[in-house]
Amino acid sequence: MAMWCPRVFLLPSTIVVFLFFVSQILVQSTHASAEGFTRPPPGNIIFSEHERSKSEPQQVHISLAGSDHMRVTWVTEDHKAQSTVEYDTAPGQYTTRIRGEHTSYTYFSYSSGKIHHVKIGPLEPATTYYYRCGASGPEFSFKTPPSTFPIEFAVVGDLGQTDWTKSTLEHVESKDYDVFLLPGDLSYADSQQPLWDSFGRLVEPIASRRPWMVTEGNHEIEIHPVVFPQGFKAYNTRWLMPYEESGSESNLYYSFDVAGGSIHIIMLGSYTEFDSDSAQYKWLQQDLAKIDRKMTPWVFVLLHAPWYNTNMAHQGEGESMRKAMEELLYGARVDIVFAGHVHAYERFTRIYDNEADSCGPVYVTIGDGGNREGLAMSYKEPASPLSMFREASFGHGRLRVLNHTHMHWSWHRNDDANSVVADEVWLESLSASGTCMGQPTSSLKDEL
């Protein structure tokens, strides 16, 4: 992938380091000063053309589909193309062939290509597989996540397809990782369906080699009264996630395990019903009740509209969902919650019900992947004591889980051609806290 060179910015001139202690969790936090850094304007939209034949695969991406399976998704303009994946651990040798399913959709005058979904496996952990889609076209490869620690996630929200998107993805790819997490707002097509195709082609070099696990944002809704009243038509058709494997009735919310079941990740839907009578709420209750924290020391949640936010943008938009679901996450001792939507970065301390709480999740807003709308520059002043670090810059995050008790979070600012670590923190699993795990929690299992 060709390197795009953005405008030149001054590097940070000072580094501020400080230590602080929150009950039950030791946190070492480092910040890189933004002094001298000029925040960039929105980037130009990149439209990625289709350069292969009609029968060859395009927009190839993979996603986890159970403990030892992978779902391969791609599009062909030829509706007679096969929905098959051939694969093996050696390049050019396809000893296993799996047939899957296919679908397509129309949206006003737009008709999609043939969208293929093939679930392959069982697969070995931490293993590179070479594969070919539809018995033609180029060879791709991916590496399965490890079944043990350490494991690393790239976390990017509100990605879009601009110059800054490309820069962010290049920074992500500069260092290896195992799973890509995206808390909503993928293509920014906003009903312009060819932009879904362009986005798929843009991310293919990355999304075809590491699993992308995504949840929906407001830019995926694409509702039009009467004609498309339910919304999410393109998103649900193109980005099929393992909702059935996790007992969900909707592609808009689901969960999955990694690292041999040591990490449980829940993807929630900010734009589908979430009150206590909703299917999503009841599913979440059941999903959390199944977690054994002795076997699963880490629990993460991703959603789109942040529950905590000191930026002036999108104030209060996640509040009703927070009131409905926060007690469930707190009772389950969720370790960290990632959100997007606000086009900036912000990290909070551990919180429950608007107060610092050593047994609550850490909340992180990371809606700064490179969207076409630009950055959300204004924050409430004075800063809330709950907010540990905030900055309106494009960037991405990395979450490295080292073992059953400790993980390292870092946020990397896009600064010229380099990725600058602007915020980082060590976190301890709540499952390792005798105080938190010994406190009475919401009686999830009793409710079932």
Protein backbone atom coordinates (compact mmCIF):
# COMPACT_ATOMS: atom_id res chain seq x y z
CA MET A 1 0.00 0.00 0.00
CA ALA A 2 1.52 3.31 -1.10
CA MET A 3 2.44 5.71 1.68
CA TRP A 4 0.51 8.97 1.67
CA CYS A 5 2.40 11.94 3.05
CA PRO A 6 0.20 14.41 4.93
CA ARG A 7 1.08 17.92 5.98
CA VAL A 8 4.10 18.42 8.19
CA PHE A 9 3.51 19.07 11.88
CA LEU A 10 5.84 19.88 14.72
CA LEU A 11 6.64 17.02 17.04
CA PRO A 12 5.68 17.28 20.71
CA SER A 13 8.27 19.18 22.67
CA THR A 14 7.62 17.94 26.19
CA ILE A 15 6.68 14.72 27.86
CA VAL A 16 4.66 14.69 31.03
CA VAL A 17 4.81 11.57 33.17
CA PHE A 18 2.90 10.96 36.34
CA LEU A 19 1.81 8.11 38.53
CA PHE A 20 -1.39 7.83 40.44
CA PHE A 21 -3.11 5.10 42.37
CA VAL A 22 -6.78 4.19 42.26
CA SER A 23 -8.00 1.75 44.88
CA GLN A 24 -7.69 -1.85 43.69
CA ILE A 25 -5.88 -0.93 40.50
CA LEU A 26 -2.39 0.45 39.96
CA VAL A 27 -2.31 2.79 36.99
CA GLN A 28 0.87 4.16 35.43
CA SER A 29 -0.03 6.82 32.89
CA THR A 30 2.14 8.64 30.38
CA HIS A 31 1.09 11.56 28.18
CA ALA A 32 2.83 13.15 25.22
CA SER A 33 2.19 16.85 25.10
CA ALA A 34 0.26 18.24 22.12
CA GLU A 35 2.13 21.52 22.43
CA GLY A 36 3.32 22.58 19.00
CA PHE A 37 1.03 20.09 17.24
CA THR A 38 -1.33 21.63 14.67
CA ARG A 39 -4.55 19.64 14.48
CA PRO A 40 -5.40 18.68 10.92
CA PRO A 41 -8.52 19.51 8.92
CA PRO A 42 -10.69 16.72 7.46
CA GLY A 43 -9.02 14.66 4.75
CA ASN A 44 -10.17 14.23 1.18
CA ILE A 45 -12.42 11.26 0.47
CA ILE A 46 -10.62 8.37 -1.21
CA PHE A 47 -12.68 6.40 -3.73
CA SER A 48 -11.01 3.06 -4.37
CA GLU A 49 -11.64 1.69 -7.85
CA HIS A 50 -12.23 -1.96 -8.74
CA GLU A 51 -9.26 -3.19 -10.78
CA ARG A 52 -9.96 -6.92 -11.03
CA SER A 53 -12.23 -8.88 -13.37
CA LYS A 54 -15.92 -9.33 -12.63
CA SER A 55 -15.41 -12.92 -11.47
CA GLU A 56 -12.50 -12.19 -9.16
CA PRO A 57 -12.99 -11.42 -5.46
CA GLN A 58 -12.91 -7.88 -4.16
CA GLN A 59 -13.55 -6.29 -0.75
CA VAL A 60 -12.20 -9.39 1.02
CA HIS A 61 -12.37 -9.30 4.80
CA ILE A 62 -12.38 -11.87 7.58
CA SER A 63 -14.04 -12.10 10.99
CA LEU A 64 -14.00 -14.54 13.89
CA ALA A 65 -16.89 -17.02 13.80
CA GLY A 66 -16.62 -19.22 16.86
CA SER A 67 -13.67 -20.47 18.87
CA ASP A 68 -11.76 -21.98 15.95
CA HIS A 69 -13.48 -20.75 12.80
CA MET A 70 -13.12 -17.74 10.53
CA ARG A 71 -15.70 -16.19 8.23
CA VAL A 72 -14.36 -15.02 4.87
CA THR A 73 -16.48 -12.39 3.11
CA TRP A 74 -16.01 -10.94 -0.36
CA VAL A 75 -17.93 -9.48 -3.31
CA THR A 76 -17.96 -10.36 -7.01
CA GLU A 77 -19.64 -8.49 -9.83
CA ASP A 78 -20.24 -11.85 -11.48
CA HIS A 79 -23.33 -13.36 -9.86
CA LYS A 80 -22.33 -16.82 -11.14
CA ALA A 81 -19.07 -16.84 -9.17
CA GLN A 82 -18.63 -19.67 -6.66
CA SER A 83 -19.09 -19.14 -2.92
CA THR A 84 -16.11 -21.29 -2.00
CA VAL A 85 -12.89 -20.84 -0.07
CA GLU A 86 -9.84 -23.05 -0.58
CA TYR A 87 -7.11 -22.89 2.04
CA ASP A 88 -4.05 -24.50 3.62
CA THR A 89 -1.05 -23.61 5.80
CA ALA A 90 1.27 -23.55 2.79
CA PRO A 91 1.03 -21.00 -0.04
CA GLY A 92 -0.48 -22.25 -3.29
CA GLN A 93 -1.61 -25.56 -1.76
CA TYR A 94 -5.35 -25.57 -1.16
CA THR A 95 -6.08 -28.94 0.44
CA THR A 96 -9.38 -27.89 2.04
CA ARG A 97 -12.36 -26.48 0.17
CA ILE A 98 -15.47 -25.12 1.90
CA ARG A 99 -18.67 -23.93 0.26
CA GLY A 100 -20.63 -21.17 1.95
CA GLU A 101 -23.57 -18.91 1.27
CA HIS A 102 -24.19 -15.80 -0.76
CA THR A 103 -26.59 -12.89 -0.84
CA SER A 104 -27.12 -9.49 -2.43
CA TYR A 105 -29.32 -6.45 -1.96
CA THR A 106 -30.82 -3.48 -3.74
CA TYR A 107 -31.04 0.06 -2.44
CA PHE A 108 -33.12 2.36 -4.64
CA SER A 109 -31.37 2.18 -8.05
CA TYR A 110 -28.25 0.49 -6.67
CA SER A 111 -27.79 -3.28 -6.94
CA SER A 112 -24.95 -4.87 -5.05
CA GLY A 113 -22.63 -7.49 -6.38
CA LYS A 114 -22.82 -11.06 -5.15
CA ILE A 115 -21.79 -11.02 -1.49
CA HIS A 116 -20.18 -14.27 -0.34
CA HIS A 117 -19.87 -15.51 3.26
CA VAL A 118 -17.90 -18.71 3.88
CA LYS A 119 -17.14 -20.05 7.35
CA ILE A 120 -13.94 -22.09 7.40
CA GLY A 121 -12.37 -24.26 10.07
CA PRO A 122 -11.58 -25.72 12.49
CA LEU A 123 -8.35 -23.73 12.46
CA GLU A 124 -5.25 -23.90 14.62
CA PRO A 125 -4.40 -20.88 16.80
CA ALA A 126 -1.50 -18.53 15.97
CA THR A 127 -1.21 -20.10 12.52
CA THR A 128 -0.91 -18.50 9.08
CA TYR A 129 -3.34 -19.78 6.47
CA TYR A 130 -3.24 -19.08 2.74
CA TYR A 131 -6.56 -18.92 0.94
CA ARG A 132 -8.29 -18.23 -2.34
CA CYS A 133 -11.87 -17.05 -2.80
CA GLY A 134 -14.16 -18.46 -5.49
CA ALA A 135 -11.45 -20.63 -7.07
CA SER A 136 -9.94 -17.63 -8.85
CA GLY A 137 -8.08 -14.41 -8.30
CA PRO A 138 -5.21 -13.59 -5.97
CA GLU A 139 -4.03 -15.58 -2.98
CA PHE A 140 -4.64 -14.03 0.44
CA SER A 141 -3.34 -14.99 3.86
CA PHE A 142 -4.36 -14.46 7.47
CA LYS A 143 -3.03 -15.36 10.87
CA THR A 144 -5.36 -16.73 13.53
CA PRO A 145 -5.23 -15.16 17.01
CA PRO A 146 -3.26 -16.99 19.71
CA SER A 147 -5.03 -19.23 22.20
CA THR A 148 -2.97 -17.86 25.08
CA PHE A 149 -1.54 -14.56 26.28
CA PRO A 150 -0.15 -12.19 25.18
CA ILE A 151 -2.63 -10.92 22.59
CA GLU A 152 -2.90 -7.49 21.01
CA PHE A 153 -5.86 -5.55 19.60
CA ALA A 154 -5.90 -2.55 17.29
CA VAL A 155 -8.86 -0.30 18.19
CA VAL A 156 -10.14 2.30 15.72
CA GLY A 157 -13.49 4.08 15.62
CA ASP A 158 -15.24 6.26 13.03
CA LEU A 159 -12.90 5.16 10.29
CA GLY A 160 -14.34 6.46 7.01
CA GLN A 161 -12.28 6.58 3.83
CA THR A 162 -10.19 9.73 3.69
CA ASP A 163 -6.53 10.65 3.53
CA TRP A 164 -6.49 10.43 7.33
CA THR A 165 -8.12 6.99 7.22
CA LYS A 166 -5.30 5.79 5.03
CA SER A 167 -2.74 7.33 7.36
CA THR A 168 -4.36 5.70 10.40
CA LEU A 169 -4.42 2.28 8.76
CA GLU A 170 -0.78 2.61 7.73
CA HIS A 171 0.10 3.38 11.33
CA VAL A 172 -1.92 0.40 12.53
CA GLU A 173 -0.11 -1.88 10.09
CA SER A 174 3.32 -0.63 11.11
CA LYS A 175 3.24 -2.96 14.12
CA ASP A 176 1.74 -6.43 14.30
CA TYR A 177 -1.48 -7.20 16.16
CA ASP A 178 -4.00 -10.03 16.34
CA VAL A 179 -7.55 -8.62 16.11
CA PHE A 180 -8.97 -5.32 14.79
CA LEU A 181 -11.84 -3.81 16.83
CA LEU A 182 -14.09 -1.08 15.38
CA PRO A 183 -16.83 0.49 17.56
CA GLY A 184 -19.01 1.78 14.73
CA ASP A 185 -19.05 4.12 11.71
CA LEU A 186 -17.25 2.19 9.00
CA SER A 187 -17.61 3.54 5.46
CA TYR A 188 -19.52 6.81 5.93
CA ALA A 189 -21.49 5.83 2.83
CA ASP A 190 -24.63 7.44 4.25
CA SER A 191 -26.89 5.80 1.64
CA GLN A 192 -24.40 6.34 -1.23
CA GLN A 193 -23.95 2.61 -1.78
CA PRO A 194 -20.90 2.74 -4.11
CA LEU A 195 -18.99 4.11 -1.11
CA TRP A 196 -19.57 0.80 0.66
CA ASP A 197 -17.78 -0.90 -2.26
CA SER A 198 -15.00 1.68 -2.18
CA PHE A 199 -14.53 1.20 1.56
CA GLY A 200 -14.31 -2.56 1.17
CA ARG A 201 -11.61 -2.19 -1.43
CA LEU A 202 -9.71 0.36 0.69
CA VAL A 203 -9.51 -1.87 3.77
CA GLU A 204 -9.07 -5.20 1.97
CA PRO A 205 -5.25 -5.32 2.28
CA ILE A 206 -5.66 -5.12 6.07
CA ALA A 207 -9.05 -6.71 6.69
CA SER A 208 -8.15 -9.81 4.65
CA ARG A 209 -5.18 -10.67 6.89
CA ARG A 210 -6.48 -10.00 10.42
CA PRO A 211 -10.04 -10.49 11.72
CA TRP A 212 -12.14 -7.31 11.85
CA MET A 213 -14.81 -7.30 14.56
CA VAL A 214 -17.18 -4.37 14.18
CA THR A 215 -20.38 -2.95 15.58
CA GLU A 216 -22.72 -0.42 14.00
CA GLY A 217 -22.69 3.35 14.30
CA ASN A 218 -25.17 6.00 13.27
CA HIS A 219 -23.67 6.20 9.77
CA GLU A 220 -24.67 2.57 9.18
CA ILE A 221 -28.39 3.21 9.82
CA GLU A 222 -29.41 4.35 6.31
CA ILE A 223 -33.12 4.46 7.10
CA HIS A 224 -35.62 5.83 4.59
CA PRO A 225 -39.26 5.82 5.73
CA VAL A 226 -41.57 3.37 3.94
CA VAL A 227 -38.86 2.10 1.53
CA PHE A 228 -36.17 1.06 4.06
CA PRO A 229 -37.78 1.55 7.49
CA GLN A 230 -35.55 -0.93 9.37
CA GLY A 231 -32.17 0.39 8.33
CA PHE A 232 -28.75 -1.31 8.36
CA LYS A 233 -29.41 -3.08 5.06
CA ALA A 234 -25.92 -2.62 3.61
CA TYR A 235 -24.17 -3.11 6.96
CA ASN A 236 -25.98 -6.33 7.84
CA THR A 237 -25.53 -7.78 4.37
CA ARG A 238 -21.86 -6.91 3.96
CA TRP A 239 -20.48 -7.15 7.52
CA LEU A 240 -21.87 -10.39 8.94
CA MET A 241 -20.66 -10.87 12.51
CA PRO A 242 -20.94 -14.00 14.73
CA TYR A 243 -24.26 -13.06 16.32
CA GLU A 244 -25.81 -16.50 15.83
CA GLU A 245 -22.74 -18.14 17.36
CA SER A 246 -23.25 -16.01 20.49
CA GLY A 247 -26.99 -16.62 20.83
CA SER A 248 -28.04 -13.19 19.58
CA GLU A 249 -31.02 -12.61 17.31
CA SER A 250 -29.44 -9.60 15.61
CA ASN A 251 -26.23 -8.76 13.76
CA LEU A 252 -26.33 -5.44 15.64
CA TYR A 253 -25.12 -6.99 18.92
CA TYR A 254 -23.10 -10.11 19.69
CA SER A 255 -20.11 -11.41 21.63
CA PHE A 256 -17.06 -13.58 21.06
CA ASP A 257 -14.09 -15.05 22.92
CA VAL A 258 -10.38 -14.84 22.19
CA ALA A 259 -7.19 -16.13 23.84
CA GLY A 260 -8.73 -19.53 24.49
CA GLY A 261 -11.73 -18.01 26.27
CA SER A 262 -9.64 -15.84 28.59
CA ILE A 263 -11.10 -12.66 27.04
CA HIS A 264 -14.79 -12.11 26.40
CA ILE A 265 -15.70 -9.21 24.10
CA ILE A 266 -19.24 -7.84 23.85
CA MET A 267 -20.33 -5.67 20.92
CA LEU A 268 -23.46 -3.68 21.77
CA GLY A 269 -25.84 -1.80 19.49
CA SER A 270 -26.42 1.87 20.26
CA TYR A 271 -29.05 2.13 17.51
CA THR A 272 -31.34 -0.76 18.29
CA GLU A 273 -33.64 -1.18 21.30
CA PHE A 274 -31.75 -1.47 24.60
CA ASP A 275 -34.25 -0.89 27.43
CA SER A 276 -35.02 -3.59 29.99
CA ASP A 277 -37.81 -5.06 27.84
CA SER A 278 -35.68 -5.27 24.70
CA ALA A 279 -34.20 -8.37 23.10
CA GLN A 280 -30.73 -6.83 23.34
CA TYR A 281 -31.02 -6.22 27.08
CA LYS A 282 -32.23 -9.76 27.74
CA TRP A 283 -29.49 -11.19 25.54
CA LEU A 284 -26.88 -9.13 27.42
CA GLN A 285 -28.16 -10.43 30.76
CA GLN A 286 -27.80 -14.00 29.56
CA ASP A 287 -24.42 -13.42 27.94
CA LEU A 288 -22.94 -11.86 31.08
CA ALA A 289 -24.40 -14.58 33.29
CA LYS A 290 -22.45 -17.24 31.38
CA ILE A 291 -19.06 -15.67 32.17
CA ASP A 292 -16.90 -17.41 34.75
CA ARG A 293 -14.29 -14.83 35.75
CA LYS A 294 -11.97 -17.56 37.03
CA MET A 295 -11.81 -18.87 33.46
CA THR A 296 -12.32 -15.49 31.76
CA PRO A 297 -10.35 -12.82 33.63
CA TRP A 298 -11.03 -10.08 31.05
CA VAL A 299 -14.32 -8.66 29.77
CA PHE A 300 -14.42 -5.80 27.22
CA VAL A 301 -17.40 -3.96 25.72
CA LEU A 302 -17.64 -1.93 22.52
CA LEU A 303 -20.51 0.37 21.53
CA HIS A 304 -20.84 3.51 19.46
CA ALA A 305 -22.40 6.43 21.36
CA PRO A 306 -20.25 7.07 24.48
CA TRP A 307 -21.81 6.92 27.93
CA TYR A 308 -19.23 9.35 29.33
CA ASN A 309 -18.07 12.33 27.31
CA THR A 310 -16.69 15.79 28.11
CA ASN A 311 -16.47 16.84 24.48
CA MET A 312 -19.11 19.33 23.35
CA ALA A 313 -20.04 17.06 20.44
CA HIS A 314 -22.88 14.53 20.86
CA GLN A 315 -23.51 15.47 24.47
CA GLY A 316 -25.97 13.11 26.19
CA GLU A 317 -26.60 10.89 23.16
CA GLY A 318 -25.53 7.75 25.03
CA GLU A 319 -27.26 8.66 28.29
CA SER A 320 -30.45 6.65 27.88
CA MET A 321 -28.45 3.53 27.02
CA ARG A 322 -26.17 4.14 29.99
CA LYS A 323 -29.14 4.36 32.34
CA ALA A 324 -30.57 1.16 30.91
CA MET A 325 -27.43 -1.00 30.83
CA GLU A 326 -24.69 0.43 33.02
CA GLU A 327 -25.71 -1.56 36.09
CA LEU A 328 -25.40 -4.81 34.11
CA LEU A 329 -21.83 -4.00 33.06
CA TYR A 330 -20.89 -2.83 36.54
CA GLY A 331 -22.34 -5.95 38.14
CA ALA A 332 -20.37 -8.14 35.75
CA ARG A 333 -17.16 -6.21 36.53
CA VAL A 334 -16.50 -5.29 32.90
CA ASP A 335 -12.91 -4.05 32.63
CA ILE A 336 -13.08 -1.50 29.82
CA VAL A 337 -15.69 0.07 27.50
CA PHE A 338 -14.75 1.51 24.10
CA ALA A 339 -16.95 3.95 22.19
CA GLY A 340 -16.71 6.06 19.04
CA HIS A 341 -19.09 8.71 17.66
CA VAL A 342 -17.23 11.71 19.10
CA HIS A 343 -14.41 12.54 16.69
CA ALA A 344 -11.70 12.84 19.30
CA TYR A 345 -9.93 10.77 21.95
CA GLU A 346 -10.75 10.66 25.64
CA ARG A 347 -9.90 8.26 28.48
CA PHE A 348 -11.74 8.23 31.79
CA THR A 349 -10.90 6.65 35.10
CA ARG A 350 -12.97 3.72 36.39
CA ILE A 351 -16.56 4.95 36.75
CA TYR A 352 -19.99 3.86 37.88
CA ASP A 353 -23.02 6.15 37.76
CA ASN A 354 -21.03 9.34 37.15
CA GLU A 355 -18.66 8.80 40.05
CA ALA A 356 -15.16 7.37 40.30
CA ASP A 357 -15.47 3.73 41.32
CA SER A 358 -12.54 1.34 41.49
CA CYS A 359 -14.82 -1.56 40.51
CA GLY A 360 -16.28 0.12 37.43
CA PRO A 361 -15.02 -0.01 33.85
CA VAL A 362 -12.47 2.33 32.33
CA TYR A 363 -14.26 4.28 29.57
CA VAL A 364 -12.45 5.22 26.36
CA THR A 365 -13.75 7.26 23.42
CA ILE A 366 -11.80 6.61 20.24
CA GLY A 367 -13.86 8.08 17.38
CA ASP A 368 -10.84 9.55 15.63
CA GLY A 369 -9.98 7.06 12.88
CA GLY A 370 -10.12 9.51 9.97
CA ASN A 371 -13.77 10.29 9.19
CA ARG A 372 -14.72 12.88 6.55
CA GLU A 373 -16.45 15.18 9.07
CA GLY A 374 -13.27 16.26 10.82
CA LEU A 375 -12.41 16.51 14.49
CA ALA A 376 -14.57 17.56 17.46
CA MET A 377 -12.38 20.33 18.81
CA SER A 378 -14.35 21.74 21.75
CA TYR A 379 -14.43 20.33 25.27
CA LYS A 380 -16.29 21.29 28.40
CA GLU A 381 -14.28 23.43 30.76
CA PRO A 382 -13.07 22.99 33.39
CA ALA A 383 -12.15 19.38 32.70
CA SER A 384 -13.98 16.76 34.73
CA PRO A 385 -11.82 15.03 37.37
CA LEU A 386 -13.13 11.76 35.88
CA SER A 387 -11.44 12.50 32.55
CA MET A 388 -7.80 11.42 32.64
CA PHE A 389 -6.74 12.50 29.15
CA ARG A 390 -8.50 14.08 26.16
CA GLU A 391 -7.36 15.36 22.79
CA ALA A 392 -8.95 16.12 19.42
CA SER A 393 -6.55 14.45 16.98
CA PHE A 394 -6.78 11.57 14.52
CA GLY A 395 -5.26 8.33 15.75
CA HIS A 396 -5.75 4.72 16.84
CA GLY A 397 -5.43 2.63 19.98
CA ARG A 398 -3.64 -0.56 20.95
CA LEU A 399 -4.64 -2.88 23.74
CA ARG A 400 -2.06 -5.50 24.67
CA VAL A 401 -3.19 -8.08 27.21
CA LEU A 402 -0.08 -9.58 28.74
CA ASN A 403 -1.55 -12.12 31.13
CA HIS A 404 -4.51 -12.86 33.38
CA THR A 405 -3.98 -9.74 35.48
CA HIS A 406 -2.41 -6.93 33.46
CA MET A 407 -2.90 -5.16 30.15
CA HIS A 408 -1.43 -2.07 28.50
CA TRP A 409 -3.51 0.54 26.64
CA SER A 410 -1.94 3.15 24.38
CA TRP A 411 -3.36 5.81 22.10
CA HIS A 412 -1.29 6.76 19.05
CA ARG A 413 -1.75 10.20 17.59
CA ASN A 414 -1.34 10.59 13.81
CA ASP A 415 1.52 13.09 13.72
CA ASP A 416 2.92 13.71 10.23
CA ALA A 417 4.12 10.36 8.86
CA ASN A 418 4.70 9.00 12.37
CA SER A 419 2.41 7.49 14.98
CA VAL A 420 3.10 9.17 18.33
CA VAL A 421 2.14 7.48 21.61
CA ALA A 422 0.24 10.36 23.24
CA ASP A 423 -1.46 8.48 26.09
CA GLU A 424 -0.79 5.12 27.74
CA VAL A 425 -1.80 3.33 30.89
CA TRP A 426 -1.38 -0.03 32.61
CA LEU A 427 -4.59 -1.63 33.89
CA GLU A 428 -5.24 -4.51 36.23
CA SER A 429 -8.10 -6.93 35.67
CA LEU A 430 -11.03 -6.49 38.04
CA SER A 431 -11.10 -10.28 38.33
CA ALA A 432 -7.81 -9.97 40.24
CA SER A 433 -9.36 -7.60 42.78
CA GLY A 434 -10.53 -9.38 45.90
CA THR A 435 -12.45 -6.26 46.90
CA CYS A 436 -14.37 -5.95 43.62
CA MET A 437 -15.03 -9.65 43.14
CA GLY A 438 -16.01 -10.01 46.79
CA GLN A 439 -18.63 -7.25 46.67
CA PRO A 440 -22.24 -8.21 45.95
CA THR A 441 -22.99 -7.65 42.27
CA SER A 442 -26.28 -7.41 40.44
CA SER A 443 -27.82 -10.86 40.69
CA LEU A 444 -27.51 -11.75 37.02
CA LYS A 445 -27.78 -15.48 37.46
CA ASP A 446 -30.66 -15.12 39.91
CA GLU A 447 -32.62 -13.13 37.35
CA LEU A 448 -32.35 -16.05 34.97
